[in-house]
């Protein structure tokens, strides 16, 4: 009775967003980042204003709402005007 207690994997892998798409990592206090690619089972995300990438499980990532995109881009522009980022 091999495998009778195993659950089949019926989940299809999620579609990848286009590179540079703004997404939200819900496992990190709704942190907004740019989709940078796939690293094994994880998605690589980068802060909108630049900085170190982080990895997130695809099940914890959702597309950023327009207001979240606006906030992230505004924060980057403000940091740029202060000379904190290029």
PDB file of N, CA and C in Angstrom:
ATOM      1  N   UNK A   1       0.839  -1.173   0.000  1.00  0.00           N
ATOM      2  CA  UNK A   1       0.000   0.000   0.000  1.00  0.00           C
ATOM      3  C   UNK A   1       0.889   1.242   0.000  1.00  0.00           C
ATOM      4  N   UNK A   2       1.756   1.241  -0.888  1.00  0.00           N
ATOM      5  CA  UNK A   2       2.717   2.327  -1.003  1.00  0.00           C
ATOM      6  C   UNK A   2       2.030   3.612  -1.448  1.00  0.00           C
ATOM      7  N   UNK A   3       2.238   4.672  -0.694  1.00  0.00           N
ATOM      8  CA  UNK A   3       1.741   5.977  -1.088  1.00  0.00           C
ATOM      9  C   UNK A   3       0.286   6.260  -0.760  1.00  0.00           C
ATOM     10  N   UNK A   4      -0.359   5.405   0.000  1.00  0.00           N
ATOM     11  CA  UNK A   4      -1.777   5.660   0.260  1.00  0.00           C
ATOM     12  C   UNK A   4      -2.003   6.845   1.183  1.00  0.00           C
ATOM     13  N   UNK A   5      -1.000   7.200   1.970  1.00  0.00           N
ATOM     14  CA  UNK A   5      -1.137   8.332   2.875  1.00  0.00           C
ATOM     15  C   UNK A   5      -0.543   9.618   2.295  1.00  0.00           C
ATOM     16  N   UNK A   6      -0.073   9.555   1.076  1.00  0.00           N
ATOM     17  CA  UNK A   6       0.515  10.734   0.469  1.00  0.00           C
ATOM     18  C   UNK A   6      -0.544  11.530  -0.262  1.00  0.00           C
ATOM     19  N   UNK A   7      -0.426  12.836  -0.142  1.00  0.00           N
ATOM     20  CA  UNK A   7      -1.339  13.731  -0.827  1.00  0.00           C
ATOM     21  C   UNK A   7      -0.746  14.087  -2.174  1.00  0.00           C
ATOM     22  N   UNK A   8      -1.496  13.994  -3.244  1.00  0.00           N
ATOM     23  CA  UNK A   8      -0.935  14.406  -4.527  1.00  0.00           C
ATOM     24  C   UNK A   8      -0.720  15.910  -4.565  1.00  0.00           C
ATOM     25  N   UNK A   9       0.292  16.313  -5.279  1.00  0.00           N
ATOM     26  CA  UNK A   9       0.577  17.745  -5.406  1.00  0.00           C
ATOM     27  C   UNK A   9      -0.231  18.292  -6.574  1.00  0.00           C
ATOM     28  N   UNK A  10      -1.422  18.790  -6.255  1.00  0.00           N
ATOM     29  CA  UNK A  10      -2.312  19.321  -7.287  1.00  0.00           C
ATOM     30  C   UNK A  10      -2.111  20.810  -7.518  1.00  0.00           C
ATOM     31  N   UNK A  11      -1.219  21.420  -6.741  1.00  0.00           N
ATOM     32  CA  UNK A  11      -1.015  22.853  -6.898  1.00  0.00           C
ATOM     33  C   UNK A  11      -0.139  23.113  -8.111  1.00  0.00           C
ATOM     34  N   UNK A  12      -0.570  24.032  -8.940  1.00  0.00           N
ATOM     35  CA  UNK A  12       0.250  24.421 -10.074  1.00  0.00           C
ATOM     36  C   UNK A  12       1.138  25.571  -9.643  1.00  0.00           C
ATOM     37  N   UNK A  13       2.348  25.629 -10.164  1.00  0.00           N
ATOM     38  CA  UNK A  13       3.214  26.735  -9.769  1.00  0.00           C
ATOM     39  C   UNK A  13       2.632  28.057 -10.224  1.00  0.00           C
ATOM     40  N   UNK A  14       2.782  29.095  -9.406  1.00  0.00           N
ATOM     41  CA  UNK A  14       2.216  30.393  -9.773  1.00  0.00           C
ATOM     42  C   UNK A  14       2.943  30.987 -10.969  1.00  0.00           C
ATOM     43  N   UNK A  15       2.230  31.782 -11.743  1.00  0.00           N
ATOM     44  CA  UNK A  15       2.860  32.482 -12.857  1.00  0.00           C
ATOM     45  C   UNK A  15       3.802  33.533 -12.302  1.00  0.00           C
ATOM     46  N   UNK A  16       4.896  33.725 -12.997  1.00  0.00           N
ATOM     47  CA  UNK A  16       5.858  34.719 -12.558  1.00  0.00           C
ATOM     48  C   UNK A  16       5.439  36.082 -13.086  1.00  0.00           C
ATOM     49  N   UNK A  17       5.575  37.118 -12.244  1.00  0.00           N
ATOM     50  CA  UNK A  17       5.323  38.471 -12.756  1.00  0.00           C
ATOM     51  C   UNK A  17       6.473  38.888 -13.684  1.00  0.00           C
ATOM     52  N   UNK A  18       6.254  39.903 -14.452  1.00  0.00           N
ATOM     53  CA  UNK A  18       7.316  40.432 -15.316  1.00  0.00           C
ATOM     54  C   UNK A  18       8.410  41.043 -14.438  1.00  0.00           C
ATOM     55  N   UNK A  19       9.641  41.002 -14.925  1.00  0.00           N
ATOM     56  CA  UNK A  19      10.746  41.602 -14.178  1.00  0.00           C
ATOM     57  C   UNK A  19      10.457  43.076 -13.922  1.00  0.00           C
ATOM     58  N   UNK A  20      10.706  43.518 -12.706  1.00  0.00           N
ATOM     59  CA  UNK A  20      10.480  44.913 -12.345  1.00  0.00           C
ATOM     60  C   UNK A  20       9.089  45.210 -11.829  1.00  0.00           C
ATOM     61  N   UNK A  21       8.181  44.231 -11.890  1.00  0.00           N
ATOM     62  CA  UNK A  21       6.826  44.438 -11.387  1.00  0.00           C
ATOM     63  C   UNK A  21       6.866  44.647  -9.881  1.00  0.00           C
ATOM     64  N   UNK A  22       6.104  45.612  -9.405  1.00  0.00           N
ATOM     65  CA  UNK A  22       6.034  45.844  -7.969  1.00  0.00           C
ATOM     66  C   UNK A  22       5.065  44.857  -7.333  1.00  0.00           C
ATOM     67  N   UNK A  23       5.554  44.185  -6.289  1.00  0.00           N
ATOM     68  CA  UNK A  23       4.766  43.185  -5.576  1.00  0.00           C
ATOM     69  C   UNK A  23       4.904  43.437  -4.080  1.00  0.00           C
ATOM     70  N   UNK A  24       4.058  42.774  -3.306  1.00  0.00           N
ATOM     71  CA  UNK A  24       4.066  42.926  -1.855  1.00  0.00           C
ATOM     72  C   UNK A  24       4.375  41.580  -1.230  1.00  0.00           C
ATOM     73  N   UNK A  25       5.344  41.560  -0.325  1.00  0.00           N
ATOM     74  CA  UNK A  25       5.686  40.359   0.441  1.00  0.00           C
ATOM     75  C   UNK A  25       4.902  40.427   1.747  1.00  0.00           C
ATOM     76  N   UNK A  26       3.829  39.646   1.833  1.00  0.00           N
ATOM     77  CA  UNK A  26       2.957  39.700   3.011  1.00  0.00           C
ATOM     78  C   UNK A  26       3.590  39.052   4.238  1.00  0.00           C
ATOM     79  N   UNK A  27       4.662  38.300   4.062  1.00  0.00           N
ATOM     80  CA  UNK A  27       5.327  37.691   5.214  1.00  0.00           C
ATOM     81  C   UNK A  27       6.287  38.666   5.885  1.00  0.00           C
ATOM     82  N   UNK A  28       6.499  39.828   5.283  1.00  0.00           N
ATOM     83  CA  UNK A  28       7.406  40.849   5.839  1.00  0.00           C
ATOM     84  C   UNK A  28       6.681  42.179   6.008  1.00  0.00           C
ATOM     85  N   UNK A  29       5.611  42.133   6.736  1.00  0.00           N
ATOM     86  CA  UNK A  29       4.846  43.348   7.054  1.00  0.00           C
ATOM     87  C   UNK A  29       4.470  44.122   5.797  1.00  0.00           C
ATOM     88  N   UNK A  30       4.031  43.406   4.777  1.00  0.00           N
ATOM     89  CA  UNK A  30       3.584  44.025   3.523  1.00  0.00           C
ATOM     90  C   UNK A  30       4.656  44.898   2.885  1.00  0.00           C
ATOM     91  N   UNK A  31       5.869  44.395   2.855  1.00  0.00           N
ATOM     92  CA  UNK A  31       6.993  45.112   2.247  1.00  0.00           C
ATOM     93  C   UNK A  31       6.868  45.078   0.722  1.00  0.00           C
ATOM     94  N   UNK A  32       6.992  46.228   0.090  1.00  0.00           N
ATOM     95  CA  UNK A  32       6.891  46.339  -1.363  1.00  0.00           C
ATOM     96  C   UNK A  32       8.280  46.168  -1.968  1.00  0.00           C
ATOM     97  N   UNK A  33       8.336  45.392  -3.042  1.00  0.00           N
ATOM     98  CA  UNK A  33       9.600  45.190  -3.730  1.00  0.00           C
ATOM     99  C   UNK A  33       9.382  44.939  -5.206  1.00  0.00           C
ATOM    100  N   UNK A  34      10.472  45.021  -5.960  1.00  0.00           N
ATOM    101  CA  UNK A  34      10.447  44.724  -7.387  1.00  0.00           C
ATOM    102  C   UNK A  34      10.768  43.252  -7.581  1.00  0.00           C
ATOM    103  N   UNK A  35      10.008  42.589  -8.430  1.00  0.00           N
ATOM    104  CA  UNK A  35      10.298  41.200  -8.760  1.00  0.00           C
ATOM    105  C   UNK A  35      11.561  41.161  -9.599  1.00  0.00           C
ATOM    106  N   UNK A  36      12.558  40.367  -9.159  1.00  0.00           N
ATOM    107  CA  UNK A  36      13.846  40.304  -9.854  1.00  0.00           C
ATOM    108  C   UNK A  36      14.123  38.951 -10.488  1.00  0.00           C
ATOM    109  N   UNK A  37      13.368  37.925 -10.126  1.00  0.00           N
ATOM    110  CA  UNK A  37      13.600  36.614 -10.715  1.00  0.00           C
ATOM    111  C   UNK A  37      13.282  35.502  -9.738  1.00  0.00           C
ATOM    112  N   UNK A  38      13.688  34.308 -10.114  1.00  0.00           N
ATOM    113  CA  UNK A  38      13.403  33.113  -9.329  1.00  0.00           C
ATOM    114  C   UNK A  38      14.717  32.518  -8.851  1.00  0.00           C
ATOM    115  N   UNK A  39      14.751  32.139  -7.584  1.00  0.00           N
ATOM    116  CA  UNK A  39      15.919  31.487  -6.995  1.00  0.00           C
ATOM    117  C   UNK A  39      15.437  30.204  -6.329  1.00  0.00           C
ATOM    118  N   UNK A  40      15.459  29.114  -7.080  1.00  0.00           N
ATOM    119  CA  UNK A  40      14.939  27.846  -6.562  1.00  0.00           C
ATOM    120  C   UNK A  40      13.439  27.968  -6.365  1.00  0.00           C
ATOM    121  N   UNK A  41      12.953  27.633  -5.153  1.00  0.00           N
ATOM    122  CA  UNK A  41      11.516  27.732  -4.903  1.00  0.00           C
ATOM    123  C   UNK A  41      11.072  29.137  -4.494  1.00  0.00           C
ATOM    124  N   UNK A  42      12.004  30.074  -4.423  1.00  0.00           N
ATOM    125  CA  UNK A  42      11.708  31.426  -3.937  1.00  0.00           C
ATOM    126  C   UNK A  42      11.748  32.447  -5.061  1.00  0.00           C
ATOM    127  N   UNK A  43      11.096  33.569  -4.813  1.00  0.00           N
ATOM    128  CA  UNK A  43      11.171  34.709  -5.726  1.00  0.00           C
ATOM    129  C   UNK A  43      12.114  35.732  -5.119  1.00  0.00           C
ATOM    130  N   UNK A  44      12.967  36.303  -5.933  1.00  0.00           N
ATOM    131  CA  UNK A  44      13.885  37.349  -5.483  1.00  0.00           C
ATOM    132  C   UNK A  44      13.210  38.699  -5.661  1.00  0.00           C
ATOM    133  N   UNK A  45      13.214  39.475  -4.591  1.00  0.00           N
ATOM    134  CA  UNK A  45      12.617  40.806  -4.592  1.00  0.00           C
ATOM    135  C   UNK A  45      13.672  41.809  -4.160  1.00  0.00           C
ATOM    136  N   UNK A  46      13.547  43.036  -4.652  1.00  0.00           N
ATOM    137  CA  UNK A  46      14.483  44.098  -4.298  1.00  0.00           C
ATOM    138  C   UNK A  46      13.696  45.315  -3.873  1.00  0.00           C
ATOM    139  N   UNK A  47      14.153  46.025  -2.855  1.00  0.00           N
ATOM    140  CA  UNK A  47      13.467  47.250  -2.451  1.00  0.00           C
ATOM    141  C   UNK A  47      13.367  48.223  -3.623  1.00  0.00           C
ATOM    142  N   UNK A  48      12.315  48.988  -3.673  1.00  0.00           N
ATOM    143  CA  UNK A  48      12.070  49.917  -4.783  1.00  0.00           C
ATOM    144  C   UNK A  48      13.192  50.940  -4.892  1.00  0.00           C
ATOM    145  N   UNK A  49      13.717  51.399  -3.789  1.00  0.00           N
ATOM    146  CA  UNK A  49      14.783  52.397  -3.809  1.00  0.00           C
ATOM    147  C   UNK A  49      16.164  51.794  -3.944  1.00  0.00           C
ATOM    148  N   UNK A  50      16.267  50.506  -4.219  1.00  0.00           N
ATOM    149  CA  UNK A  50      17.558  49.836  -4.292  1.00  0.00           C
ATOM    150  C   UNK A  50      17.899  49.220  -2.949  1.00  0.00           C
ATOM    151  N   UNK A  51      18.938  48.465  -2.931  1.00  0.00           N
ATOM    152  CA  UNK A  51      19.353  47.804  -1.706  1.00  0.00           C
ATOM    153  C   UNK A  51      19.433  46.301  -1.890  1.00  0.00           C
ATOM    154  N   UNK A  52      19.612  45.626  -0.788  1.00  0.00           N
ATOM    155  CA  UNK A  52      19.801  44.176  -0.817  1.00  0.00           C
ATOM    156  C   UNK A  52      18.505  43.449  -1.167  1.00  0.00           C
ATOM    157  N   UNK A  53      18.634  42.493  -2.069  1.00  0.00           N
ATOM    158  CA  UNK A  53      17.484  41.670  -2.430  1.00  0.00           C
ATOM    159  C   UNK A  53      17.154  40.731  -1.280  1.00  0.00           C
ATOM    160  N   UNK A  54      15.912  40.280  -1.274  1.00  0.00           N
ATOM    161  CA  UNK A  54      15.511  39.252  -0.328  1.00  0.00           C
ATOM    162  C   UNK A  54      14.684  38.216  -1.069  1.00  0.00           C
ATOM    163  N   UNK A  55      14.538  37.060  -0.451  1.00  0.00           N
ATOM    164  CA  UNK A  55      13.771  35.990  -1.070  1.00  0.00           C
ATOM    165  C   UNK A  55      12.451  35.814  -0.344  1.00  0.00           C
ATOM    166  N   UNK A  56      11.425  35.518  -1.107  1.00  0.00           N
ATOM    167  CA  UNK A  56      10.090  35.330  -0.534  1.00  0.00           C
ATOM    168  C   UNK A  56       9.446  34.102  -1.173  1.00  0.00           C
ATOM    169  N   UNK A  57       8.632  33.429  -0.383  1.00  0.00           N
ATOM    170  CA  UNK A  57       7.870  32.315  -0.925  1.00  0.00           C
ATOM    171  C   UNK A  57       6.765  32.887  -1.810  1.00  0.00           C
ATOM    172  N   UNK A  58       6.584  32.338  -3.001  1.00  0.00           N
ATOM    173  CA  UNK A  58       5.566  32.865  -3.912  1.00  0.00           C
ATOM    174  C   UNK A  58       4.171  32.934  -3.302  1.00  0.00           C
ATOM    175  N   UNK A  59       3.852  32.040  -2.377  1.00  0.00           N
ATOM    176  CA  UNK A  59       2.515  32.065  -1.775  1.00  0.00           C
ATOM    177  C   UNK A  59       2.305  33.277  -0.881  1.00  0.00           C
ATOM    178  N   UNK A  60       3.401  33.948  -0.499  1.00  0.00           N
ATOM    179  CA  UNK A  60       3.303  35.151   0.341  1.00  0.00           C
ATOM    180  C   UNK A  60       3.439  36.436  -0.464  1.00  0.00           C
ATOM    181  N   UNK A  61       3.436  36.329  -1.788  1.00  0.00           N
ATOM    182  CA  UNK A  61       3.628  37.507  -2.637  1.00  0.00           C
ATOM    183  C   UNK A  61       2.357  37.756  -3.442  1.00  0.00           C
ATOM    184  N   UNK A  62       1.971  39.019  -3.476  1.00  0.00           N
ATOM    185  CA  UNK A  62       0.794  39.420  -4.261  1.00  0.00           C
ATOM    186  C   UNK A  62       1.138  40.690  -5.021  1.00  0.00           C
ATOM    187  N   UNK A  63       0.402  40.973  -6.088  1.00  0.00           N
ATOM    188  CA  UNK A  63       0.651  42.222  -6.823  1.00  0.00           C
ATOM    189  C   UNK A  63       0.391  43.437  -5.923  1.00  0.00           C
ATOM    190  N   UNK A  64       1.194  44.458  -6.078  1.00  0.00           N
ATOM    191  CA  UNK A  64       1.011  45.685  -5.302  1.00  0.00           C
ATOM    192  C   UNK A  64      -0.192  46.451  -5.833  1.00  0.00           C
ATOM    193  N   UNK A  65      -0.993  46.964  -4.912  1.00  0.00           N
ATOM    194  CA  UNK A  65      -2.107  47.832  -5.292  1.00  0.00           C
ATOM    195  C   UNK A  65      -1.539  49.149  -5.819  1.00  0.00           C
ATOM    196  N   UNK A  66      -2.330  49.884  -6.561  1.00  0.00           N
ATOM    197  CA  UNK A  66      -1.859  51.161  -7.112  1.00  0.00           C
ATOM    198  C   UNK A  66      -1.380  52.107  -6.021  1.00  0.00           C
ATOM    199  N   UNK A  67      -2.099  52.168  -4.908  1.00  0.00           N
ATOM    200  CA  UNK A  67      -1.690  53.065  -3.813  1.00  0.00           C
ATOM    201  C   UNK A  67      -0.361  52.611  -3.203  1.00  0.00           C
ATOM    202  N   UNK A  68      -0.127  51.293  -3.141  1.00  0.00           N
ATOM    203  CA  UNK A  68       1.147  50.787  -2.624  1.00  0.00           C
ATOM    204  C   UNK A  68       2.289  51.091  -3.584  1.00  0.00           C
ATOM    205  N   UNK A  69       2.015  51.007  -4.876  1.00  0.00           N
ATOM    206  CA  UNK A  69       3.024  51.360  -5.869  1.00  0.00           C
ATOM    207  C   UNK A  69       3.388  52.840  -5.765  1.00  0.00           C
ATOM    208  N   UNK A  70       2.359  53.675  -5.624  1.00  0.00           N
ATOM    209  CA  UNK A  70       2.577  55.114  -5.508  1.00  0.00           C
ATOM    210  C   UNK A  70       3.400  55.448  -4.269  1.00  0.00           C
ATOM    211  N   UNK A  71       3.061  54.844  -3.140  1.00  0.00           N
ATOM    212  CA  UNK A  71       3.809  55.100  -1.897  1.00  0.00           C
ATOM    213  C   UNK A  71       5.273  54.690  -2.043  1.00  0.00           C
ATOM    214  N   UNK A  72       5.506  53.513  -2.624  1.00  0.00           N
ATOM    215  CA  UNK A  72       6.879  53.024  -2.778  1.00  0.00           C
ATOM    216  C   UNK A  72       7.680  53.932  -3.706  1.00  0.00           C
ATOM    217  N   UNK A  73       7.084  54.343  -4.801  1.00  0.00           N
ATOM    218  CA  UNK A  73       7.799  55.214  -5.743  1.00  0.00           C
ATOM    219  C   UNK A  73       8.029  56.607  -5.160  1.00  0.00           C
ATOM    220  N   UNK A  74       7.060  57.106  -4.411  1.00  0.00           N
ATOM    221  CA  UNK A  74       7.219  58.408  -3.760  1.00  0.00           C
ATOM    222  C   UNK A  74       8.322  58.355  -2.717  1.00  0.00           C
ATOM    223  N   UNK A  75       8.369  57.277  -1.947  1.00  0.00           N
ATOM    224  CA  UNK A  75       9.421  57.125  -0.934  1.00  0.00           C
ATOM    225  C   UNK A  75      10.796  57.102  -1.593  1.00  0.00           C
ATOM    226  N   UNK A  76      10.906  56.435  -2.751  1.00  0.00           N
ATOM    227  CA  UNK A  76      12.174  56.391  -3.456  1.00  0.00           C
ATOM    228  C   UNK A  76      12.565  57.772  -3.958  1.00  0.00           C
ATOM    229  N   UNK A  77      11.621  58.503  -4.529  1.00  0.00           N
ATOM    230  CA  UNK A  77      11.913  59.844  -5.018  1.00  0.00           C
ATOM    231  C   UNK A  77      12.302  60.788  -3.886  1.00  0.00           C
ATOM    232  N   UNK A  78      11.651  60.655  -2.747  1.00  0.00           N
ATOM    233  CA  UNK A  78      12.014  61.484  -1.587  1.00  0.00           C
ATOM    234  C   UNK A  78      13.423  61.162  -1.112  1.00  0.00           C
ATOM    235  N   UNK A  79      13.769  59.874  -1.068  1.00  0.00           N
ATOM    236  CA  UNK A  79      15.116  59.476  -0.658  1.00  0.00           C
ATOM    237  C   UNK A  79      16.146  59.991  -1.656  1.00  0.00           C
ATOM    238  N   UNK A  80      15.795  59.971  -2.930  1.00  0.00           N
ATOM    239  CA  UNK A  80      16.699  60.469  -3.973  1.00  0.00           C
ATOM    240  C   UNK A  80      16.919  61.968  -3.809  1.00  0.00           C
ATOM    241  N   UNK A  81      15.856  62.708  -3.497  1.00  0.00           N
ATOM    242  CA  UNK A  81      15.999  64.155  -3.336  1.00  0.00           C
ATOM    243  C   UNK A  81      16.852  64.509  -2.111  1.00  0.00           C
ATOM    244  N   UNK A  82      16.893  63.618  -1.133  1.00  0.00           N
ATOM    245  CA  UNK A  82      17.743  63.829   0.046  1.00  0.00           C
ATOM    246  C   UNK A  82      19.159  63.336  -0.174  1.00  0.00           C
ATOM    247  N   UNK A  83      19.424  62.720  -1.347  1.00  0.00           N
ATOM    248  CA  UNK A  83      20.759  62.228  -1.654  1.00  0.00           C
ATOM    249  C   UNK A  83      21.056  60.864  -1.066  1.00  0.00           C
ATOM    250  N   UNK A  84      20.042  60.150  -0.619  1.00  0.00           N
ATOM    251  CA  UNK A  84      20.241  58.837   0.004  1.00  0.00           C
ATOM    252  C   UNK A  84      20.398  57.725  -1.016  1.00  0.00           C
ATOM    253  N   UNK A  85      19.846  57.901  -2.206  1.00  0.00           N
ATOM    254  CA  UNK A  85      19.971  56.922  -3.283  1.00  0.00           C
ATOM    255  C   UNK A  85      20.232  57.665  -4.583  1.00  0.00           C
ATOM    256  N   UNK A  86      20.736  56.939  -5.563  1.00  0.00           N
ATOM    257  CA  UNK A  86      21.009  57.560  -6.862  1.00  0.00           C
ATOM    258  C   UNK A  86      19.790  57.561  -7.741  1.00  0.00           C
TER     259      UNK A  86
END
